[in-house]
Each structure stands twice: as C-alpha cells, then as structure tokens.
C-alpha atoms as a PDB file:
ATOM      1  CA  MET A   1       0.000   0.000   0.000  1.00  0.00           C
ATOM      2  CA  ASN A   2       1.398   3.408  -0.869  1.00  0.00           C
ATOM      3  CA  THR A   3       1.748   6.151   1.716  1.00  0.00           C
ATOM      4  CA  VAL A   4      -1.212   8.217   0.526  1.00  0.00           C
ATOM      5  CA  ASP A   5      -3.534   5.195   0.652  1.00  0.00           C
ATOM      6  CA  ALA A   6      -2.249   4.278   4.109  1.00  0.00           C
ATOM      7  CA  ILE A   7      -3.006   7.794   5.370  1.00  0.00           C
ATOM      8  CA  ARG A   8      -6.446   7.875   3.781  1.00  0.00           C
ATOM      9  CA  THR A   9      -7.514   4.432   4.973  1.00  0.00           C
ATOM     10  CA  ARG A  10      -6.059   4.399   8.494  1.00  0.00           C
ATOM     11  CA  ARG A  11      -8.878   4.304  11.011  1.00  0.00           C
ATOM     12  CA  ALA A  12      -9.188   3.707  14.749  1.00  0.00           C
ATOM     13  CA  VAL A  13     -10.451   0.114  14.804  1.00  0.00           C
ATOM     14  CA  LYS A  14     -11.574  -1.395  18.096  1.00  0.00           C
ATOM     15  CA  VAL A  15     -12.710  -4.919  17.132  1.00  0.00           C
ATOM     16  CA  TYR A  16      -9.962  -7.442  16.332  1.00  0.00           C
ATOM     17  CA  ASP A  17      -9.602 -11.108  15.469  1.00  0.00           C
ATOM     18  CA  PRO A  18      -8.041 -12.586  18.633  1.00  0.00           C
ATOM     19  CA  THR A  19      -6.891 -15.661  16.689  1.00  0.00           C
ATOM     20  CA  PHE A  20      -4.831 -13.679  14.167  1.00  0.00           C
ATOM     21  CA  PRO A  21      -1.158 -13.844  15.146  1.00  0.00           C
ATOM     22  CA  LEU A  22       1.759 -11.639  14.260  1.00  0.00           C
ATOM     23  CA  SER A  23       5.165 -13.292  14.485  1.00  0.00           C
ATOM     24  CA  ARG A  24       7.983 -11.793  16.515  1.00  0.00           C
ATOM     25  CA  GLU A  25       9.649 -10.888  13.223  1.00  0.00           C
ATOM     26  CA  GLU A  26       6.525  -9.125  11.932  1.00  0.00           C
ATOM     27  CA  LYS A  27       6.165  -7.185  15.167  1.00  0.00           C
ATOM     28  CA  ASP A  28       9.830  -6.229  15.131  1.00  0.00           C
ATOM     29  CA  GLU A  29       9.548  -4.984  11.562  1.00  0.00           C
ATOM     30  CA  LEU A  30       6.696  -2.662  12.559  1.00  0.00           C
ATOM     31  CA  LEU A  31       8.657  -1.436  15.577  1.00  0.00           C
ATOM     32  CA  GLN A  32      11.747  -0.850  13.456  1.00  0.00           C
ATOM     33  CA  LEU A  33       9.702   1.201  10.993  1.00  0.00           C
ATOM     34  CA  ALA A  34       8.258   3.230  13.878  1.00  0.00           C
ATOM     35  CA  LEU A  35      11.785   4.121  14.966  1.00  0.00           C
ATOM     36  CA  PHE A  36      12.185   6.195  11.801  1.00  0.00           C
ATOM     37  CA  ALA A  37       9.886   8.802  13.380  1.00  0.00           C
ATOM     38  CA  PRO A  38      11.607  12.140  14.048  1.00  0.00           C
ATOM     39  CA  SER A  39      12.591  13.323  17.500  1.00  0.00           C
ATOM     40  CA  ALA A  40      13.807  16.736  18.645  1.00  0.00           C
ATOM     41  CA  PHE A  41      17.597  17.063  18.597  1.00  0.00           C
ATOM     42  CA  ASN A  42      17.673  13.374  17.535  1.00  0.00           C
ATOM     43  CA  LEU A  43      17.284  12.481  21.233  1.00  0.00           C
ATOM     44  CA  GLN A  44      15.233   9.350  20.438  1.00  0.00           C
ATOM     45  CA  HIS A  45      13.660   9.459  23.888  1.00  0.00           C
ATOM     46  CA  VAL A  46      10.645   7.280  23.036  1.00  0.00           C
ATOM     47  CA  ARG A  47      10.565   3.754  24.453  1.00  0.00           C
ATOM     48  CA  LEU A  48       8.149   1.220  22.943  1.00  0.00           C
ATOM     49  CA  VAL A  49       6.903  -1.432  25.380  1.00  0.00           C
ATOM     50  CA  GLU A  50       5.551  -4.271  23.250  1.00  0.00           C
ATOM     51  CA  VAL A  51       3.316  -6.274  25.587  1.00  0.00           C
ATOM     52  CA  SER A  52       3.194  -9.940  24.574  1.00  0.00           C
ATOM     53  CA  ASP A  53       2.443 -11.609  27.921  1.00  0.00           C
ATOM     54  CA  PRO A  54      -1.277 -12.551  27.832  1.00  0.00           C
ATOM     55  CA  ALA A  55      -1.621 -12.261  31.606  1.00  0.00           C
ATOM     56  CA  LEU A  56      -0.120  -8.770  31.588  1.00  0.00           C
ATOM     57  CA  ARG A  57      -2.367  -7.731  28.723  1.00  0.00           C
ATOM     58  CA  ALA A  58      -5.384  -8.971  30.700  1.00  0.00           C
ATOM     59  CA  GLN A  59      -4.279  -6.845  33.669  1.00  0.00           C
ATOM     60  CA  ILE A  60      -3.876  -3.819  31.404  1.00  0.00           C
ATOM     61  CA  ARG A  61      -7.389  -4.417  30.069  1.00  0.00           C
ATOM     62  CA  GLU A  62      -8.713  -4.412  33.646  1.00  0.00           C
ATOM     63  CA  VAL A  63      -7.324  -0.898  34.176  1.00  0.00           C
ATOM     64  CA  GLY A  64      -8.239   0.157  30.639  1.00  0.00           C
ATOM     65  CA  TRP A  65     -12.018   0.404  30.847  1.00  0.00           C
ATOM     66  CA  ASN A  66     -12.199  -3.250  29.742  1.00  0.00           C
ATOM     67  CA  GLN A  67     -11.403  -2.322  26.142  1.00  0.00           C
ATOM     68  CA  ALA A  68     -11.326  -5.559  24.164  1.00  0.00           C
ATOM     69  CA  GLN A  69      -8.595  -4.461  21.785  1.00  0.00           C
ATOM     70  CA  MET A  70      -6.114  -4.506  24.657  1.00  0.00           C
ATOM     71  CA  THR A  71      -6.255  -8.300  24.682  1.00  0.00           C
ATOM     72  CA  ASP A  72      -7.740  -9.175  21.270  1.00  0.00           C
ATOM     73  CA  ALA A  73      -5.378  -7.253  18.985  1.00  0.00           C
ATOM     74  CA  SER A  74      -2.314  -9.102  17.737  1.00  0.00           C
ATOM     75  CA  MET A  75       0.008  -6.477  19.156  1.00  0.00           C
ATOM     76  CA  LEU A  76      -0.188  -3.974  22.000  1.00  0.00           C
ATOM     77  CA  VAL A  77       2.412  -1.239  22.368  1.00  0.00           C
ATOM     78  CA  VAL A  78       2.692   1.193  25.270  1.00  0.00           C
ATOM     79  CA  VAL A  79       4.397   4.291  23.869  1.00  0.00           C
ATOM     80  CA  CYS A  80       6.569   5.823  26.591  1.00  0.00           C
ATOM     81  CA  ALA A  81       9.378   8.354  26.714  1.00  0.00           C
ATOM     82  CA  LYS A  82      12.406   9.086  28.846  1.00  0.00           C
ATOM     83  CA  LEU A  83      12.058  12.554  30.369  1.00  0.00           C
ATOM     84  CA  ASP A  84      15.749  13.093  31.093  1.00  0.00           C
ATOM     85  CA  SER A  85      17.197  11.716  27.868  1.00  0.00           C
ATOM     86  CA  TRP A  86      18.414  15.247  27.141  1.00  0.00           C
ATOM     87  CA  SER A  87      20.781  15.067  30.126  1.00  0.00           C
ATOM     88  CA  GLN A  88      22.043  11.543  29.474  1.00  0.00           C
ATOM     89  CA  ASN A  89      22.190  10.958  25.732  1.00  0.00           C
ATOM     90  CA  ALA A  90      23.028  14.321  24.144  1.00  0.00           C
ATOM     91  CA  ARG A  91      26.495  13.240  23.023  1.00  0.00           C
ATOM     92  CA  ARG A  92      25.554   9.628  22.396  1.00  0.00           C
ATOM     93  CA  VAL A  93      22.928  10.470  19.769  1.00  0.00           C
ATOM     94  CA  TRP A  94      25.401  12.695  17.911  1.00  0.00           C
ATOM     95  CA  GLU A  95      28.222  10.157  17.938  1.00  0.00           C
ATOM     96  CA  GLY A  96      29.819  10.017  14.511  1.00  0.00           C
ATOM     97  CA  ALA A  97      29.198  13.686  13.746  1.00  0.00           C
ATOM     98  CA  PRO A  98      32.199  16.053  13.594  1.00  0.00           C
ATOM     99  CA  ALA A  99      33.461  17.067  17.046  1.00  0.00           C
ATOM    100  CA  GLU A 100      32.378  20.680  16.599  1.00  0.00           C
ATOM    101  CA  VAL A 101      28.838  19.524  15.766  1.00  0.00           C
ATOM    102  CA  GLN A 102      28.777  17.283  18.830  1.00  0.00           C
ATOM    103  CA  ASP A 103      29.912  20.152  21.038  1.00  0.00           C
ATOM    104  CA  TYR A 104      27.380  22.559  19.552  1.00  0.00           C
ATOM    105  CA  MET A 105      24.471  20.123  19.856  1.00  0.00           C
ATOM    106  CA  ALA A 106      25.354  19.160  23.444  1.00  0.00           C
ATOM    107  CA  GLY A 107      25.283  22.822  24.444  1.00  0.00           C
ATOM    108  CA  ALA A 108      22.092  23.569  22.513  1.00  0.00           C
ATOM    109  CA  ILE A 109      20.312  20.580  24.048  1.00  0.00           C
ATOM    110  CA  ASP A 110      21.360  21.549  27.552  1.00  0.00           C
ATOM    111  CA  ALA A 111      20.221  25.155  27.056  1.00  0.00           C
ATOM    112  CA  TYR A 112      16.874  24.055  25.633  1.00  0.00           C
ATOM    113  CA  TYR A 113      15.907  21.579  28.373  1.00  0.00           C
ATOM    114  CA  ARG A 114      17.755  22.364  31.613  1.00  0.00           C
ATOM    115  CA  ASP A 115      15.469  23.538  34.439  1.00  0.00           C
ATOM    116  CA  LYS A 116      12.454  23.406  32.104  1.00  0.00           C
ATOM    117  CA  PRO A 117      10.330  20.428  33.224  1.00  0.00           C
ATOM    118  CA  GLN A 118       7.335  21.518  31.144  1.00  0.00           C
ATOM    119  CA  VAL A 119       9.471  21.675  27.998  1.00  0.00           C
ATOM    120  CA  GLN A 120      10.903  18.253  28.808  1.00  0.00           C
ATOM    121  CA  ARG A 121       7.424  16.739  29.204  1.00  0.00           C
ATOM    122  CA  ASP A 122       5.969  18.528  26.181  1.00  0.00           C
ATOM    123  CA  GLU A 123       8.798  17.242  24.024  1.00  0.00           C
ATOM    124  CA  THR A 124       8.239  13.654  25.123  1.00  0.00           C
ATOM    125  CA  MET A 125       4.522  13.908  24.322  1.00  0.00           C
ATOM    126  CA  ARG A 126       5.252  15.268  20.847  1.00  0.00           C
ATOM    127  CA  SER A 127       7.722  12.480  20.224  1.00  0.00           C
ATOM    128  CA  CYS A 128       5.290   9.830  21.484  1.00  0.00           C
ATOM    129  CA  GLY A 129       2.654  11.147  19.086  1.00  0.00           C
ATOM    130  CA  LEU A 130       5.036  11.127  16.131  1.00  0.00           C
ATOM    131  CA  MET A 131       6.187   7.600  16.949  1.00  0.00           C
ATOM    132  CA  ALA A 132       2.647   6.289  17.434  1.00  0.00           C
ATOM    133  CA  GLN A 133       1.450   7.751  14.135  1.00  0.00           C
ATOM    134  CA  THR A 134       4.447   6.300  12.310  1.00  0.00           C
ATOM    135  CA  LEU A 135       3.694   2.897  13.861  1.00  0.00           C
ATOM    136  CA  MET A 136       0.029   3.077  12.852  1.00  0.00           C
ATOM    137  CA  LEU A 137       0.860   4.061   9.281  1.00  0.00           C
ATOM    138  CA  ALA A 138       3.413   1.244   9.072  1.00  0.00           C
ATOM    139  CA  ALA A 139       0.716  -1.172  10.244  1.00  0.00           C
ATOM    140  CA  ARG A 140      -1.770   0.162   7.719  1.00  0.00           C
ATOM    141  CA  ALA A 141       0.797  -0.154   4.938  1.00  0.00           C
ATOM    142  CA  LYS A 142       0.994  -3.856   5.856  1.00  0.00           C
ATOM    143  CA  GLY A 143      -2.804  -4.190   5.585  1.00  0.00           C
ATOM    144  CA  LEU A 144      -3.350  -4.122   9.341  1.00  0.00           C
ATOM    145  CA  GLU A 145      -5.641  -1.985  11.474  1.00  0.00           C
ATOM    146  CA  SER A 146      -4.703  -0.020  14.567  1.00  0.00           C
ATOM    147  CA  CYS A 147      -6.169   1.989  17.412  1.00  0.00           C
ATOM    148  CA  PRO A 148      -4.486   4.748  19.435  1.00  0.00           C
ATOM    149  CA  MET A 149      -5.615   4.744  23.067  1.00  0.00           C
ATOM    150  CA  ASP A 150      -5.410   6.982  26.095  1.00  0.00           C
ATOM    151  CA  GLY A 151      -8.458   5.551  27.858  1.00  0.00           C
ATOM    152  CA  PHE A 152      -6.733   3.792  30.733  1.00  0.00           C
ATOM    153  CA  ASP A 153      -5.385   4.402  34.208  1.00  0.00           C
ATOM    154  CA  PHE A 154      -1.907   5.714  33.404  1.00  0.00           C
ATOM    155  CA  ASP A 155      -0.563   5.172  36.922  1.00  0.00           C
ATOM    156  CA  ALA A 156      -1.857   1.592  37.042  1.00  0.00           C
ATOM    157  CA  VAL A 157      -0.361   0.752  33.640  1.00  0.00           C
ATOM    158  CA  ALA A 158       2.918   2.351  34.715  1.00  0.00           C
ATOM    159  CA  ARG A 159       3.006   0.014  37.711  1.00  0.00           C
ATOM    160  CA  LEU A 160       2.146  -3.022  35.586  1.00  0.00           C
ATOM    161  CA  ILE A 161       4.933  -2.411  33.077  1.00  0.00           C
ATOM    162  CA  GLU A 162       7.327  -1.304  35.838  1.00  0.00           C
ATOM    163  CA  LEU A 163       7.840   2.095  34.231  1.00  0.00           C
ATOM    164  CA  PRO A 164      10.979   3.798  35.560  1.00  0.00           C
ATOM    165  CA  GLU A 165      10.374   7.039  37.457  1.00  0.00           C
ATOM    166  CA  ASN A 166      12.125   9.129  34.816  1.00  0.00           C
ATOM    167  CA  HIS A 167       9.710   7.936  32.100  1.00  0.00           C
ATOM    168  CA  VAL A 168       6.156   8.889  31.133  1.00  0.00           C
ATOM    169  CA  ILE A 169       3.459   7.127  29.130  1.00  0.00           C
ATOM    170  CA  GLY A 170       2.107   8.956  26.096  1.00  0.00           C
ATOM    171  CA  LEU A 171      -0.483   6.494  24.791  1.00  0.00           C
ATOM    172  CA  MET A 172      -1.013   2.912  23.675  1.00  0.00           C
ATOM    173  CA  VAL A 173      -1.444   1.476  20.195  1.00  0.00           C
ATOM    174  CA  ALA A 174      -3.244  -1.787  19.391  1.00  0.00           C
ATOM    175  CA  ILE A 175      -2.530  -3.454  16.031  1.00  0.00           C
ATOM    176  CA  GLY A 176      -4.091  -6.455  14.337  1.00  0.00           C
ATOM    177  CA  ARG A 177      -6.669  -7.725  11.884  1.00  0.00           C
ATOM    178  CA  GLY A 178      -9.955  -5.901  12.261  1.00  0.00           C
ATOM    179  CA  THR A 179     -13.136  -7.960  12.097  1.00  0.00           C
ATOM    180  CA  VAL A 180     -15.608  -5.209  11.238  1.00  0.00           C
ATOM    181  CA  GLU A 181     -15.628  -2.542   8.567  1.00  0.00           C
ATOM    182  CA  PRO A 182     -14.776   0.879   9.966  1.00  0.00           C
ATOM    183  CA  LYS A 183     -17.794   3.110  10.357  1.00  0.00           C
ATOM    184  CA  PRO A 184     -18.126   5.992   7.886  1.00  0.00           C
ATOM    185  CA  ARG A 185     -16.158   9.095   8.752  1.00  0.00           C
ATOM    186  CA  VAL A 186     -18.455  11.598  10.413  1.00  0.00           C
ATOM    187  CA  GLY A 187     -18.232  15.120  11.752  1.00  0.00           C
ATOM    188  CA  LYS A 188     -15.193  16.178   9.751  1.00  0.00           C
ATOM    189  CA  LEU A 189     -14.838  19.932  10.030  1.00  0.00           C
ATOM    190  CA  PRO A 190     -14.527  21.911   6.787  1.00  0.00           C
ATOM    191  CA  PHE A 191     -11.019  22.240   5.351  1.00  0.00           C
ATOM    192  CA  ASP A 192     -11.202  26.050   5.392  1.00  0.00           C
ATOM    193  CA  GLU A 193     -12.111  26.045   9.078  1.00  0.00           C
ATOM    194  CA  VAL A 194      -9.165  23.875  10.071  1.00  0.00           C
ATOM    195  CA  VAL A 195      -6.467  25.181   7.708  1.00  0.00           C
ATOM    196  CA  ILE A 196      -5.389  28.768   8.356  1.00  0.00           C
ATOM    197  CA  ARG A 197      -3.225  30.696   5.906  1.00  0.00           C
ATOM    198  CA  ASP A 198      -0.482  32.670   7.659  1.00  0.00           C
ATOM    199  CA  ARG A 199      -2.518  34.116  10.564  1.00  0.00           C
ATOM    200  CA  PHE A 200      -5.745  33.523  12.443  1.00  0.00           C
END
C-alpha cells in the first residue's frame, strides 16, 4: 500500500480477530519502521513497550475500561518516553558527527531543556505522538488496522509495566486484523475552518 492510501484508509479500529497472530519478526519490523519517526535534537527518547504476555495484557485491560482491543489485537504497544534523555544521551545520539557539531548540539540541548520540566514533558509527548502515528501508518501499509488509546489508568499501567520514574506514558497502540468494517467518517470539520493561511 502506498503512503497516501495508508493515510487515507487508516482508522481507529476497536474490534480485532483474537486468533490472528503476528510473528515476533513481523512485530519487530513494525517497531523498526516506527523508529524512523523524528525526534527533537535526535534524542530518540521514546521507548516502545511491546506487551506480549497474555496475563499482563489482561491486567492492562482491567485498568483500561475493559477495552477488548487490549487483549484481542495481535500487538499492544505502550508508547513511553524518557524525560531526562536530554541530560544523558546528548552526546551519544550525535556520535559520529564532527566534534564541533557534537559540542554545539550538546550545548544547545542543555540550554533548551535544563530547568524546564514543562518543555521536557511537552517534548516527550510530541515524540510519542510522532512515533505512534508512524507505527500506525506502518501497520496500515501492511494491511493491518490499529487503534491509538489513552483511555486507561496511566498510573496503574505504569506500575504493571514497571515504568521507571524518569519515564512517562504517552499512549497505547493496538494493532491487528480488524473484524468489522470501519464506520463511515463523520463530523469532519470543513477544510477552510481547520487550515489557516499565515494568521488567524
């Protein structure tokens, strides 16, 4: 499927075939494609928790408003991010660049994030969104359906996946073979209301 078709046909699907498997290799390919998503300063602070353990997925469903896709989809990914990646990986993610570039980027990263917890959190949320959308489009390109989710108890899921304290959860993505046709798109606002030229 080409990119334009994947964008046009991607929908949030909530009903999945629980008997449809994805192999470890197929899951890894989707995750590898997701990692091509951009991140500010190349910090790559998103962490993808691919939940395969059926018992753990059942526990997540219990704290996720009993949404069936959390257990029925072939793949469940908790999209997280490391809040302090800026202070730990600034030089690592620029390894291989000329020394003057590494020095410049390390200083720019420090100046942008240090003592700015809101900026740090905002950046992780943007990166989680970019990564999740890339993952969903990769799934659609493979003929699969997906569903982004934030309807769950974030603290409870954090405990279940043993999320480190310096990480946050952005959202979850379920991926698999849908068993029902997506409903027609409704309520789309007019293009000219949503797209602004230059200024409001």
